[in-house]
Amino acid sequence: MSWRSIDLERRYADPAHASDWTAEDRPPWTPGNERGKLAFAAWALAQLDELERRVRADRIREVEEAATPERLRLMAKGLRAAQPIIEAKMAGIRMAEPKADFNRMADIEHTSSVREATGQSGKRGRTASGADPHSPAAKAARDLWRLRRVILPRFWPEAGRGGVGPRNDALAAIAATRHHGAKPSAVLAWYENERLARL
C-alpha cells in the first residue's frame, strides 16, 4: 500500500469526488441477521472492487499524462544523475544482504518512510509486528482500511458513531473473504498492529 495509492483512494471518501459513483442500494447493517450480514458483505465487496477499478484507471491516466517526450527525457537524465547515489545505497544494503537487488532497496526505503509517517521511526526490525506485508492477512487489512476510511465515509458517513454500523471485527471478516487464507482475527491484528487505522 503505497502513499500514492493511499492519496488516490482517500480522495474517494468524499462523495463529491467522482460523483458518478453512487451506491444508493446499500443494505442495512443488521448484525443479528445472517441474511442481512451477507447482503451487506456483498455490497461492501462490490464497492472494494469498484474502488480498485477507479484507482487503477486514475494511475493509468496519471502515467499517460506524465509520459510526454520532454518529461521522459528529463527522467532519463535524472536517472543517470542518480545512478551513483543508487549504487552507493545498494553497496550499503549488500553489506548486510549480499543478494539484495533494487526491489529490496525500494522495499527498505518504503518501510522506512512508513515507519516515519506512522510514528515508528527509530525502531529496529520490519513492520511493527514483523508480519509479512504480502500475506493474505496484510492484503485484507488494507481492504479493511479501505472499507473504514473510504467506502463507509463515502456512502455511510454516520457509520462508526454511537454504535451505528459495523465494527472493525465485522469489517475484518468481510475483508478476509476477499483474500484466500486470511483469517478475520489475523486481519484485525494486522490492521491494529501495523497502525493502519492512523493512516
N, C-alpha and C. Protein backbone atom coordinates (compact mmCIF):
# COMPACT_ATOMS: atom_id res chain seq x y z
N MET A 1 0.86 -1.17 0.00
CA MET A 1 0.00 0.00 0.00
C MET A 1 0.90 1.22 0.00
N SER A 2 1.07 1.82 -1.14
CA SER A 2 1.97 2.96 -1.25
C SER A 2 1.26 4.24 -0.82
N TRP A 3 2.07 5.25 -0.50
CA TRP A 3 1.49 6.54 -0.12
C TRP A 3 0.69 7.12 -1.28
N ARG A 4 1.14 6.89 -2.50
CA ARG A 4 0.40 7.40 -3.66
C ARG A 4 -0.97 6.75 -3.74
N SER A 5 -1.05 5.43 -3.55
CA SER A 5 -2.36 4.78 -3.63
C SER A 5 -3.24 5.22 -2.47
N ILE A 6 -2.65 5.48 -1.30
CA ILE A 6 -3.44 5.98 -0.17
C ILE A 6 -4.06 7.33 -0.54
N ASP A 7 -3.25 8.20 -1.13
CA ASP A 7 -3.77 9.51 -1.54
C ASP A 7 -4.88 9.38 -2.57
N LEU A 8 -4.67 8.52 -3.56
CA LEU A 8 -5.68 8.33 -4.60
C LEU A 8 -6.97 7.75 -4.02
N GLU A 9 -6.83 6.77 -3.15
CA GLU A 9 -8.00 6.12 -2.57
C GLU A 9 -8.73 7.06 -1.62
N ARG A 10 -7.98 7.80 -0.82
CA ARG A 10 -8.60 8.68 0.16
C ARG A 10 -9.48 9.75 -0.49
N ARG A 11 -9.15 10.15 -1.71
CA ARG A 11 -9.99 11.14 -2.43
C ARG A 11 -11.43 10.66 -2.54
N TYR A 12 -11.58 9.34 -2.72
CA TYR A 12 -12.91 8.79 -2.95
C TYR A 12 -13.78 8.76 -1.70
N ALA A 13 -13.21 9.06 -0.54
CA ALA A 13 -14.02 9.12 0.68
C ALA A 13 -15.01 10.28 0.61
N ASP A 14 -14.69 11.28 -0.21
CA ASP A 14 -15.57 12.44 -0.40
C ASP A 14 -16.57 12.13 -1.50
N PRO A 15 -17.87 12.11 -1.19
CA PRO A 15 -18.87 11.80 -2.22
C PRO A 15 -18.86 12.77 -3.40
N ALA A 16 -18.30 13.96 -3.22
CA ALA A 16 -18.24 14.92 -4.32
C ALA A 16 -17.19 14.52 -5.36
N HIS A 17 -16.20 13.70 -4.97
CA HIS A 17 -15.19 13.23 -5.92
C HIS A 17 -15.78 12.07 -6.69
N ALA A 18 -15.71 12.13 -8.01
CA ALA A 18 -16.29 11.08 -8.88
C ALA A 18 -17.76 10.88 -8.52
N SER A 19 -18.53 11.95 -8.67
CA SER A 19 -19.94 11.92 -8.25
C SER A 19 -20.78 10.90 -9.00
N ASP A 20 -20.23 10.34 -10.08
CA ASP A 20 -20.98 9.30 -10.81
C ASP A 20 -20.99 7.97 -10.04
N TRP A 21 -20.13 7.83 -9.03
CA TRP A 21 -20.09 6.59 -8.25
C TRP A 21 -21.07 6.70 -7.10
N THR A 22 -22.20 6.05 -7.25
CA THR A 22 -23.22 6.06 -6.21
C THR A 22 -23.54 4.62 -5.82
N ALA A 23 -24.01 4.46 -4.61
CA ALA A 23 -24.39 3.13 -4.13
C ALA A 23 -25.60 3.28 -3.21
N GLU A 24 -26.68 3.74 -3.81
CA GLU A 24 -27.88 4.01 -3.02
C GLU A 24 -28.54 2.73 -2.50
N ASP A 25 -28.14 1.59 -3.08
CA ASP A 25 -28.77 0.34 -2.69
C ASP A 25 -28.04 -0.34 -1.52
N ARG A 26 -27.34 0.45 -0.69
CA ARG A 26 -26.61 -0.14 0.43
C ARG A 26 -27.58 -0.83 1.37
N PRO A 27 -27.36 -2.13 1.61
CA PRO A 27 -28.24 -2.83 2.55
C PRO A 27 -28.00 -2.33 3.97
N PRO A 28 -28.98 -2.43 4.81
CA PRO A 28 -28.77 -2.01 6.20
C PRO A 28 -27.83 -2.98 6.91
N TRP A 29 -27.12 -2.49 7.91
CA TRP A 29 -26.26 -3.35 8.70
C TRP A 29 -27.11 -3.98 9.80
N THR A 30 -27.26 -5.29 9.72
CA THR A 30 -28.08 -6.00 10.69
C THR A 30 -27.25 -7.11 11.32
N PRO A 31 -26.53 -6.80 12.40
CA PRO A 31 -25.61 -7.78 12.98
C PRO A 31 -26.28 -9.07 13.48
N GLY A 32 -27.56 -9.01 13.82
CA GLY A 32 -28.25 -10.21 14.32
C GLY A 32 -28.88 -11.04 13.22
N ASN A 33 -28.80 -10.60 11.99
CA ASN A 33 -29.49 -11.27 10.89
C ASN A 33 -28.45 -11.74 9.87
N GLU A 34 -28.31 -13.06 9.73
CA GLU A 34 -27.28 -13.61 8.84
C GLU A 34 -27.50 -13.19 7.39
N ARG A 35 -28.75 -13.20 6.93
CA ARG A 35 -29.03 -12.81 5.55
C ARG A 35 -28.68 -11.35 5.31
N GLY A 36 -29.00 -10.50 6.30
CA GLY A 36 -28.65 -9.08 6.20
C GLY A 36 -27.15 -8.86 6.21
N LYS A 37 -26.41 -9.62 7.04
CA LYS A 37 -24.95 -9.50 7.07
C LYS A 37 -24.35 -9.91 5.74
N LEU A 38 -24.89 -10.97 5.14
CA LEU A 38 -24.37 -11.42 3.84
C LEU A 38 -24.63 -10.38 2.75
N ALA A 39 -25.82 -9.78 2.78
CA ALA A 39 -26.15 -8.76 1.79
C ALA A 39 -25.22 -7.55 1.94
N PHE A 40 -24.96 -7.15 3.19
CA PHE A 40 -24.06 -6.02 3.41
C PHE A 40 -22.65 -6.36 2.97
N ALA A 41 -22.20 -7.58 3.27
CA ALA A 41 -20.85 -8.00 2.87
C ALA A 41 -20.72 -8.00 1.34
N ALA A 42 -21.73 -8.49 0.64
CA ALA A 42 -21.68 -8.49 -0.83
C ALA A 42 -21.61 -7.07 -1.37
N TRP A 43 -22.37 -6.17 -0.76
CA TRP A 43 -22.32 -4.76 -1.17
C TRP A 43 -20.93 -4.18 -0.93
N ALA A 44 -20.36 -4.43 0.26
CA ALA A 44 -19.04 -3.89 0.61
C ALA A 44 -17.97 -4.42 -0.35
N LEU A 45 -18.02 -5.71 -0.67
CA LEU A 45 -17.04 -6.29 -1.58
C LEU A 45 -17.16 -5.69 -2.98
N ALA A 46 -18.39 -5.43 -3.41
CA ALA A 46 -18.60 -4.80 -4.73
C ALA A 46 -18.01 -3.39 -4.74
N GLN A 47 -18.14 -2.67 -3.62
CA GLN A 47 -17.58 -1.31 -3.55
C GLN A 47 -16.05 -1.35 -3.55
N LEU A 48 -15.45 -2.35 -2.89
CA LEU A 48 -14.00 -2.51 -2.92
C LEU A 48 -13.51 -2.76 -4.35
N ASP A 49 -14.24 -3.61 -5.08
CA ASP A 49 -13.88 -3.87 -6.47
C ASP A 49 -13.96 -2.59 -7.31
N GLU A 50 -15.00 -1.82 -7.08
CA GLU A 50 -15.17 -0.57 -7.83
C GLU A 50 -14.08 0.44 -7.48
N LEU A 51 -13.74 0.54 -6.20
CA LEU A 51 -12.66 1.44 -5.79
C LEU A 51 -11.35 1.03 -6.46
N GLU A 52 -11.07 -0.26 -6.47
CA GLU A 52 -9.85 -0.76 -7.10
C GLU A 52 -9.82 -0.41 -8.59
N ARG A 53 -10.95 -0.59 -9.26
CA ARG A 53 -11.04 -0.28 -10.69
C ARG A 53 -10.80 1.21 -10.94
N ARG A 54 -11.40 2.06 -10.13
CA ARG A 54 -11.26 3.51 -10.31
C ARG A 54 -9.83 3.99 -10.03
N VAL A 55 -9.22 3.46 -8.97
CA VAL A 55 -7.85 3.87 -8.64
C VAL A 55 -6.88 3.41 -9.72
N ARG A 56 -7.09 2.20 -10.25
CA ARG A 56 -6.24 1.71 -11.35
C ARG A 56 -6.36 2.63 -12.56
N ALA A 57 -7.58 3.04 -12.88
CA ALA A 57 -7.79 3.96 -14.01
C ALA A 57 -7.12 5.31 -13.75
N ASP A 58 -7.18 5.80 -12.50
CA ASP A 58 -6.50 7.05 -12.15
C ASP A 58 -5.00 6.94 -12.36
N ARG A 59 -4.42 5.82 -11.94
CA ARG A 59 -2.97 5.63 -12.09
C ARG A 59 -2.56 5.58 -13.56
N ILE A 60 -3.34 4.87 -14.35
CA ILE A 60 -3.04 4.79 -15.79
C ILE A 60 -3.11 6.17 -16.42
N ARG A 61 -4.14 6.92 -16.06
CA ARG A 61 -4.31 8.29 -16.59
C ARG A 61 -3.12 9.17 -16.18
N GLU A 62 -2.68 9.07 -14.92
CA GLU A 62 -1.54 9.86 -14.46
C GLU A 62 -0.27 9.52 -15.25
N VAL A 63 -0.05 8.23 -15.48
CA VAL A 63 1.14 7.80 -16.22
C VAL A 63 1.08 8.31 -17.65
N GLU A 64 -0.08 8.20 -18.27
CA GLU A 64 -0.23 8.66 -19.65
C GLU A 64 -0.02 10.17 -19.75
N GLU A 65 -0.54 10.92 -18.78
CA GLU A 65 -0.37 12.38 -18.81
C GLU A 65 1.08 12.78 -18.54
N ALA A 66 1.78 11.99 -17.73
CA ALA A 66 3.16 12.32 -17.38
C ALA A 66 4.16 11.89 -18.45
N ALA A 67 3.75 11.04 -19.37
CA ALA A 67 4.70 10.47 -20.33
C ALA A 67 4.87 11.35 -21.57
N THR A 68 5.12 12.62 -21.38
CA THR A 68 5.43 13.50 -22.51
C THR A 68 6.90 13.28 -22.89
N PRO A 69 7.27 13.51 -24.13
CA PRO A 69 8.67 13.31 -24.52
C PRO A 69 9.65 14.13 -23.67
N GLU A 70 9.27 15.36 -23.33
CA GLU A 70 10.15 16.20 -22.52
C GLU A 70 10.34 15.61 -21.12
N ARG A 71 9.25 15.16 -20.52
CA ARG A 71 9.34 14.56 -19.18
C ARG A 71 10.16 13.28 -19.20
N LEU A 72 9.96 12.45 -20.22
CA LEU A 72 10.73 11.22 -20.32
C LEU A 72 12.22 11.52 -20.46
N ARG A 73 12.56 12.56 -21.23
CA ARG A 73 13.96 12.94 -21.40
C ARG A 73 14.54 13.40 -20.06
N LEU A 74 13.76 14.21 -19.31
CA LEU A 74 14.22 14.68 -18.01
C LEU A 74 14.36 13.54 -17.00
N MET A 75 13.45 12.58 -17.07
CA MET A 75 13.53 11.43 -16.17
C MET A 75 14.79 10.61 -16.46
N ALA A 76 15.08 10.40 -17.74
CA ALA A 76 16.28 9.65 -18.10
C ALA A 76 17.53 10.38 -17.61
N LYS A 77 17.53 11.69 -17.75
CA LYS A 77 18.66 12.49 -17.28
C LYS A 77 18.78 12.39 -15.76
N GLY A 78 17.64 12.45 -15.07
CA GLY A 78 17.65 12.33 -13.61
C GLY A 78 18.13 10.97 -13.14
N LEU A 79 17.73 9.92 -13.86
CA LEU A 79 18.20 8.57 -13.50
C LEU A 79 19.70 8.45 -13.67
N ARG A 80 20.22 9.02 -14.75
CA ARG A 80 21.67 8.98 -14.94
C ARG A 80 22.39 9.72 -13.82
N ALA A 81 21.83 10.86 -13.42
CA ALA A 81 22.44 11.65 -12.35
C ALA A 81 22.34 10.93 -11.00
N ALA A 82 21.26 10.18 -10.80
CA ALA A 82 21.05 9.48 -9.53
C ALA A 82 21.80 8.15 -9.45
N GLN A 83 22.33 7.68 -10.56
CA GLN A 83 22.99 6.38 -10.60
C GLN A 83 24.05 6.21 -9.51
N PRO A 84 24.96 7.18 -9.30
CA PRO A 84 25.96 7.00 -8.24
C PRO A 84 25.34 6.86 -6.84
N ILE A 85 24.25 7.61 -6.59
CA ILE A 85 23.57 7.54 -5.29
C ILE A 85 22.95 6.17 -5.11
N ILE A 86 22.28 5.67 -6.16
CA ILE A 86 21.65 4.35 -6.10
C ILE A 86 22.70 3.28 -5.87
N GLU A 87 23.80 3.36 -6.58
CA GLU A 87 24.86 2.37 -6.43
C GLU A 87 25.45 2.39 -5.03
N ALA A 88 25.61 3.58 -4.43
CA ALA A 88 26.13 3.69 -3.06
C ALA A 88 25.15 3.05 -2.07
N LYS A 89 23.85 3.31 -2.25
CA LYS A 89 22.85 2.72 -1.37
C LYS A 89 22.85 1.19 -1.50
N MET A 90 22.94 0.73 -2.74
CA MET A 90 22.96 -0.72 -2.98
C MET A 90 24.18 -1.36 -2.32
N ALA A 91 25.33 -0.69 -2.39
CA ALA A 91 26.55 -1.22 -1.77
C ALA A 91 26.35 -1.36 -0.25
N GLY A 92 25.72 -0.35 0.36
CA GLY A 92 25.47 -0.41 1.79
C GLY A 92 24.51 -1.54 2.16
N ILE A 93 23.46 -1.71 1.38
CA ILE A 93 22.49 -2.77 1.64
C ILE A 93 23.13 -4.14 1.44
N ARG A 94 23.95 -4.27 0.41
CA ARG A 94 24.59 -5.57 0.11
C ARG A 94 25.60 -5.98 1.17
N MET A 95 26.06 -5.02 1.98
CA MET A 95 26.94 -5.40 3.09
C MET A 95 26.18 -6.27 4.08
N ALA A 96 24.90 -5.96 4.28
CA ALA A 96 24.07 -6.74 5.20
C ALA A 96 23.37 -7.89 4.49
N GLU A 97 22.97 -7.67 3.23
CA GLU A 97 22.26 -8.68 2.45
C GLU A 97 22.93 -8.81 1.09
N PRO A 98 23.90 -9.73 0.94
CA PRO A 98 24.67 -9.82 -0.30
C PRO A 98 23.83 -10.04 -1.57
N LYS A 99 22.67 -10.66 -1.45
CA LYS A 99 21.86 -10.95 -2.64
C LYS A 99 20.76 -9.91 -2.88
N ALA A 100 20.80 -8.80 -2.17
CA ALA A 100 19.77 -7.77 -2.32
C ALA A 100 19.81 -7.18 -3.72
N ASP A 101 18.61 -6.83 -4.24
CA ASP A 101 18.51 -6.20 -5.55
C ASP A 101 17.81 -4.85 -5.40
N PHE A 102 17.54 -4.21 -6.52
CA PHE A 102 16.93 -2.88 -6.49
C PHE A 102 15.56 -2.93 -5.80
N ASN A 103 14.78 -3.99 -6.03
CA ASN A 103 13.46 -4.10 -5.40
C ASN A 103 13.58 -4.16 -3.88
N ARG A 104 14.62 -4.85 -3.40
CA ARG A 104 14.84 -4.93 -1.95
C ARG A 104 15.17 -3.54 -1.39
N MET A 105 15.97 -2.79 -2.13
CA MET A 105 16.31 -1.43 -1.70
C MET A 105 15.04 -0.57 -1.63
N ALA A 106 14.20 -0.67 -2.64
CA ALA A 106 12.96 0.10 -2.66
C ALA A 106 12.06 -0.30 -1.49
N ASP A 107 12.02 -1.61 -1.17
CA ASP A 107 11.22 -2.11 -0.06
C ASP A 107 11.73 -1.56 1.27
N ILE A 108 13.04 -1.53 1.44
CA ILE A 108 13.63 -0.99 2.67
C ILE A 108 13.29 0.49 2.82
N GLU A 109 13.43 1.25 1.73
CA GLU A 109 13.14 2.68 1.79
C GLU A 109 11.65 2.93 2.05
N HIS A 110 10.79 2.11 1.45
CA HIS A 110 9.35 2.26 1.66
C HIS A 110 9.00 1.97 3.13
N THR A 111 9.55 0.87 3.66
CA THR A 111 9.29 0.52 5.06
C THR A 111 9.75 1.64 5.99
N SER A 112 10.90 2.22 5.68
CA SER A 112 11.43 3.32 6.48
C SER A 112 10.49 4.52 6.44
N SER A 113 9.97 4.85 5.26
CA SER A 113 9.06 6.01 5.16
C SER A 113 7.75 5.74 5.88
N VAL A 114 7.26 4.48 5.84
CA VAL A 114 6.02 4.14 6.54
C VAL A 114 6.24 4.25 8.04
N ARG A 115 7.37 3.74 8.53
CA ARG A 115 7.67 3.83 9.97
C ARG A 115 7.68 5.29 10.42
N GLU A 116 8.33 6.12 9.63
CA GLU A 116 8.43 7.53 10.00
C GLU A 116 7.06 8.18 10.02
N ALA A 117 6.24 7.90 9.01
CA ALA A 117 4.91 8.52 8.92
C ALA A 117 3.96 8.02 9.99
N THR A 118 4.16 6.78 10.47
CA THR A 118 3.25 6.22 11.47
C THR A 118 3.81 6.29 12.88
N GLY A 119 4.92 7.02 13.05
CA GLY A 119 5.47 7.20 14.39
C GLY A 119 6.33 6.05 14.86
N GLN A 120 6.79 5.20 13.96
CA GLN A 120 7.62 4.07 14.35
C GLN A 120 9.09 4.32 14.06
N SER A 121 9.46 5.54 13.68
CA SER A 121 10.85 5.81 13.31
C SER A 121 11.77 5.56 14.49
N GLY A 122 12.98 5.13 14.17
CA GLY A 122 13.96 4.84 15.20
C GLY A 122 13.88 3.44 15.73
N LYS A 123 12.83 2.70 15.40
CA LYS A 123 12.71 1.33 15.87
C LYS A 123 13.38 0.40 14.88
N ARG A 124 13.85 -0.71 15.38
CA ARG A 124 14.54 -1.66 14.53
C ARG A 124 13.55 -2.69 14.00
N GLY A 125 14.00 -3.44 13.04
CA GLY A 125 13.18 -4.53 12.52
C GLY A 125 12.29 -4.09 11.38
N ARG A 126 11.32 -4.93 11.10
CA ARG A 126 10.43 -4.67 9.98
C ARG A 126 9.21 -3.91 10.47
N THR A 127 8.06 -4.27 9.98
CA THR A 127 6.83 -3.63 10.41
C THR A 127 6.62 -3.91 11.90
N ALA A 128 5.69 -3.24 12.51
CA ALA A 128 5.52 -3.30 13.96
C ALA A 128 5.43 -4.73 14.49
N SER A 129 4.71 -5.60 13.81
CA SER A 129 4.55 -6.97 14.30
C SER A 129 5.55 -7.93 13.69
N GLY A 130 6.32 -7.47 12.70
CA GLY A 130 7.21 -8.37 11.99
C GLY A 130 6.46 -9.23 10.99
N ALA A 131 5.20 -8.92 10.74
CA ALA A 131 4.37 -9.71 9.83
C ALA A 131 4.76 -9.47 8.38
N ASP A 132 4.45 -10.44 7.55
CA ASP A 132 4.74 -10.35 6.12
C ASP A 132 3.76 -9.39 5.46
N PRO A 133 4.23 -8.27 4.87
CA PRO A 133 3.31 -7.30 4.28
C PRO A 133 2.64 -7.80 3.00
N HIS A 134 3.03 -8.97 2.51
CA HIS A 134 2.42 -9.53 1.31
C HIS A 134 1.51 -10.71 1.63
N SER A 135 1.29 -10.97 2.90
CA SER A 135 0.46 -12.10 3.32
C SER A 135 -1.02 -11.80 3.03
N PRO A 136 -1.85 -12.85 2.96
CA PRO A 136 -3.29 -12.60 2.79
C PRO A 136 -3.87 -11.71 3.88
N ALA A 137 -3.40 -11.88 5.11
CA ALA A 137 -3.92 -11.05 6.22
C ALA A 137 -3.56 -9.58 6.00
N ALA A 138 -2.35 -9.32 5.51
CA ALA A 138 -1.93 -7.93 5.27
C ALA A 138 -2.76 -7.31 4.16
N LYS A 139 -2.99 -8.06 3.09
CA LYS A 139 -3.80 -7.55 1.98
C LYS A 139 -5.23 -7.28 2.43
N ALA A 140 -5.77 -8.19 3.24
CA ALA A 140 -7.13 -7.99 3.74
C ALA A 140 -7.19 -6.83 4.72
N ALA A 141 -6.12 -6.62 5.49
CA ALA A 141 -6.09 -5.47 6.42
C ALA A 141 -6.12 -4.16 5.63
N ARG A 142 -5.48 -4.13 4.48
CA ARG A 142 -5.55 -2.93 3.64
C ARG A 142 -6.97 -2.74 3.11
N ASP A 143 -7.67 -3.84 2.83
CA ASP A 143 -9.07 -3.73 2.43
C ASP A 143 -9.93 -3.24 3.60
N LEU A 144 -9.60 -3.70 4.80
CA LEU A 144 -10.30 -3.20 5.98
C LEU A 144 -10.11 -1.69 6.09
N TRP A 145 -8.88 -1.21 5.85
CA TRP A 145 -8.62 0.24 5.85
C TRP A 145 -9.49 0.93 4.79
N ARG A 146 -9.58 0.34 3.60
CA ARG A 146 -10.39 0.94 2.53
C ARG A 146 -11.86 1.01 2.91
N LEU A 147 -12.34 -0.05 3.55
CA LEU A 147 -13.74 -0.04 3.99
C LEU A 147 -13.97 1.04 5.04
N ARG A 148 -13.09 1.09 6.04
CA ARG A 148 -13.26 2.02 7.16
C ARG A 148 -13.00 3.47 6.76
N ARG A 149 -12.00 3.71 5.92
CA ARG A 149 -11.56 5.08 5.63
C ARG A 149 -12.06 5.65 4.31
N VAL A 150 -12.57 4.78 3.42
CA VAL A 150 -13.02 5.29 2.12
C VAL A 150 -14.48 4.94 1.86
N ILE A 151 -14.81 3.66 1.87
CA ILE A 151 -16.17 3.22 1.48
C ILE A 151 -17.23 3.73 2.46
N LEU A 152 -17.05 3.47 3.74
CA LEU A 152 -18.07 3.91 4.70
C LEU A 152 -18.19 5.43 4.78
N PRO A 153 -17.08 6.19 4.83
CA PRO A 153 -17.26 7.66 4.84
C PRO A 153 -17.97 8.17 3.59
N ARG A 154 -17.77 7.52 2.47
CA ARG A 154 -18.40 7.96 1.23
C ARG A 154 -19.90 7.66 1.22
N PHE A 155 -20.26 6.44 1.57
CA PHE A 155 -21.65 6.00 1.42
C PHE A 155 -22.45 5.94 2.71
N TRP A 156 -21.76 6.06 3.85
CA TRP A 156 -22.47 5.96 5.12
C TRP A 156 -21.68 6.75 6.17
N PRO A 157 -21.67 8.10 6.06
CA PRO A 157 -20.81 8.93 6.91
C PRO A 157 -21.05 8.76 8.41
N GLU A 158 -22.25 8.41 8.80
CA GLU A 158 -22.53 8.27 10.23
C GLU A 158 -22.11 6.93 10.80
N ALA A 159 -21.63 6.01 9.96
CA ALA A 159 -21.19 4.69 10.44
C ALA A 159 -20.03 4.84 11.41
N GLY A 160 -20.07 4.08 12.48
CA GLY A 160 -19.00 4.12 13.46
C GLY A 160 -19.23 5.11 14.58
N ARG A 161 -20.26 5.91 14.47
CA ARG A 161 -20.56 6.90 15.52
C ARG A 161 -21.69 6.39 16.39
N GLY A 162 -21.46 6.32 17.66
CA GLY A 162 -22.52 5.93 18.60
C GLY A 162 -23.06 4.54 18.37
N GLY A 163 -22.19 3.61 17.98
CA GLY A 163 -22.62 2.23 17.79
C GLY A 163 -23.34 1.96 16.49
N VAL A 164 -23.37 2.94 15.58
CA VAL A 164 -24.02 2.74 14.28
C VAL A 164 -23.04 2.06 13.34
N GLY A 165 -23.50 1.06 12.62
CA GLY A 165 -22.67 0.43 11.61
C GLY A 165 -21.77 -0.67 12.15
N PRO A 166 -21.07 -1.33 11.24
CA PRO A 166 -20.23 -2.47 11.63
C PRO A 166 -18.96 -2.03 12.37
N ARG A 167 -18.54 -2.88 13.30
CA ARG A 167 -17.28 -2.64 14.00
C ARG A 167 -16.15 -3.20 13.15
N ASN A 168 -14.92 -2.91 13.56
CA ASN A 168 -13.76 -3.36 12.79
C ASN A 168 -13.67 -4.88 12.68
N ASP A 169 -14.12 -5.61 13.71
CA ASP A 169 -14.04 -7.06 13.62
C ASP A 169 -14.98 -7.59 12.53
N ALA A 170 -16.14 -6.96 12.37
CA ALA A 170 -17.06 -7.36 11.31
C ALA A 170 -16.50 -7.01 9.93
N LEU A 171 -15.88 -5.83 9.82
CA LEU A 171 -15.26 -5.43 8.55
C LEU A 171 -14.07 -6.34 8.23
N ALA A 172 -13.35 -6.78 9.25
CA ALA A 172 -12.22 -7.70 9.04
C ALA A 172 -12.72 -9.02 8.47
N ALA A 173 -13.86 -9.49 8.96
CA ALA A 173 -14.42 -10.74 8.44
C ALA A 173 -14.83 -10.58 6.98
N ILE A 174 -15.35 -9.42 6.62
CA ILE A 174 -15.72 -9.17 5.22
C ILE A 174 -14.47 -9.11 4.35
N ALA A 175 -13.46 -8.37 4.80
CA ALA A 175 -12.23 -8.22 4.02
C ALA A 175 -11.51 -9.56 3.87
N ALA A 176 -11.57 -10.41 4.89
CA ALA A 176 -10.88 -11.71 4.84
C ALA A 176 -11.42 -12.60 3.73
N THR A 177 -12.70 -12.44 3.39
CA THR A 177 -13.28 -13.30 2.34
C THR A 177 -12.70 -12.99 0.97
N ARG A 178 -12.08 -11.84 0.83
CA ARG A 178 -11.52 -11.42 -0.46
C ARG A 178 -10.12 -11.98 -0.71
N HIS A 179 -9.49 -12.52 0.33
CA HIS A 179 -8.11 -12.99 0.22
C HIS A 179 -8.00 -14.39 0.80
N HIS A 180 -7.81 -15.37 -0.07
CA HIS A 180 -7.74 -16.77 0.35
C HIS A 180 -6.67 -16.97 1.41
N GLY A 181 -7.04 -17.58 2.50
CA GLY A 181 -6.09 -17.86 3.57
C GLY A 181 -6.08 -16.83 4.69
N ALA A 182 -6.79 -15.73 4.51
CA ALA A 182 -6.82 -14.69 5.55
C ALA A 182 -7.87 -15.05 6.60
N LYS A 183 -7.48 -14.96 7.86
CA LYS A 183 -8.42 -15.20 8.95
C LYS A 183 -8.80 -13.85 9.55
N PRO A 184 -10.09 -13.65 9.87
CA PRO A 184 -10.52 -12.34 10.38
C PRO A 184 -9.70 -11.85 11.58
N SER A 185 -9.35 -12.74 12.49
CA SER A 185 -8.58 -12.31 13.67
C SER A 185 -7.19 -11.81 13.26
N ALA A 186 -6.57 -12.48 12.28
CA ALA A 186 -5.24 -12.05 11.80
C ALA A 186 -5.35 -10.73 11.05
N VAL A 187 -6.44 -10.55 10.31
CA VAL A 187 -6.66 -9.30 9.57
C VAL A 187 -6.78 -8.14 10.56
N LEU A 188 -7.59 -8.33 11.58
CA LEU A 188 -7.79 -7.28 12.58
C LEU A 188 -6.48 -6.99 13.31
N ALA A 189 -5.73 -8.04 13.65
CA ALA A 189 -4.44 -7.85 14.33
C ALA A 189 -3.48 -7.06 13.44
N TRP A 190 -3.45 -7.40 12.15
CA TRP A 190 -2.56 -6.68 11.23
C TRP A 190 -2.96 -5.21 11.15
N TYR A 191 -4.25 -4.97 11.04
CA TYR A 191 -4.78 -3.60 10.94
C TYR A 191 -4.38 -2.78 12.17
N GLU A 192 -4.49 -3.39 13.34
CA GLU A 192 -4.19 -2.67 14.57
C GLU A 192 -2.68 -2.59 14.82
N ASN A 193 -1.96 -3.69 14.65
CA ASN A 193 -0.53 -3.73 14.96
C ASN A 193 0.30 -2.87 14.00
N GLU A 194 -0.12 -2.81 12.74
CA GLU A 194 0.63 -2.03 11.76
C GLU A 194 0.15 -0.59 11.69
N ARG A 195 -0.77 -0.24 12.58
CA ARG A 195 -1.25 1.14 12.72
C ARG A 195 -1.91 1.68 11.44
N LEU A 196 -2.56 0.81 10.70
CA LEU A 196 -3.26 1.27 9.51
C LEU A 196 -4.38 2.23 9.87
N ALA A 197 -4.95 2.06 11.05
CA ALA A 197 -6.04 2.93 11.46
C ALA A 197 -5.60 4.39 11.52
N ARG A 198 -4.29 4.63 11.67
CA ARG A 198 -3.78 6.01 11.78
C ARG A 198 -3.53 6.64 10.42
N LEU A 199 -3.54 5.85 9.36
CA LEU A 199 -3.24 6.40 8.02
C LEU A 199 -4.42 7.20 7.49
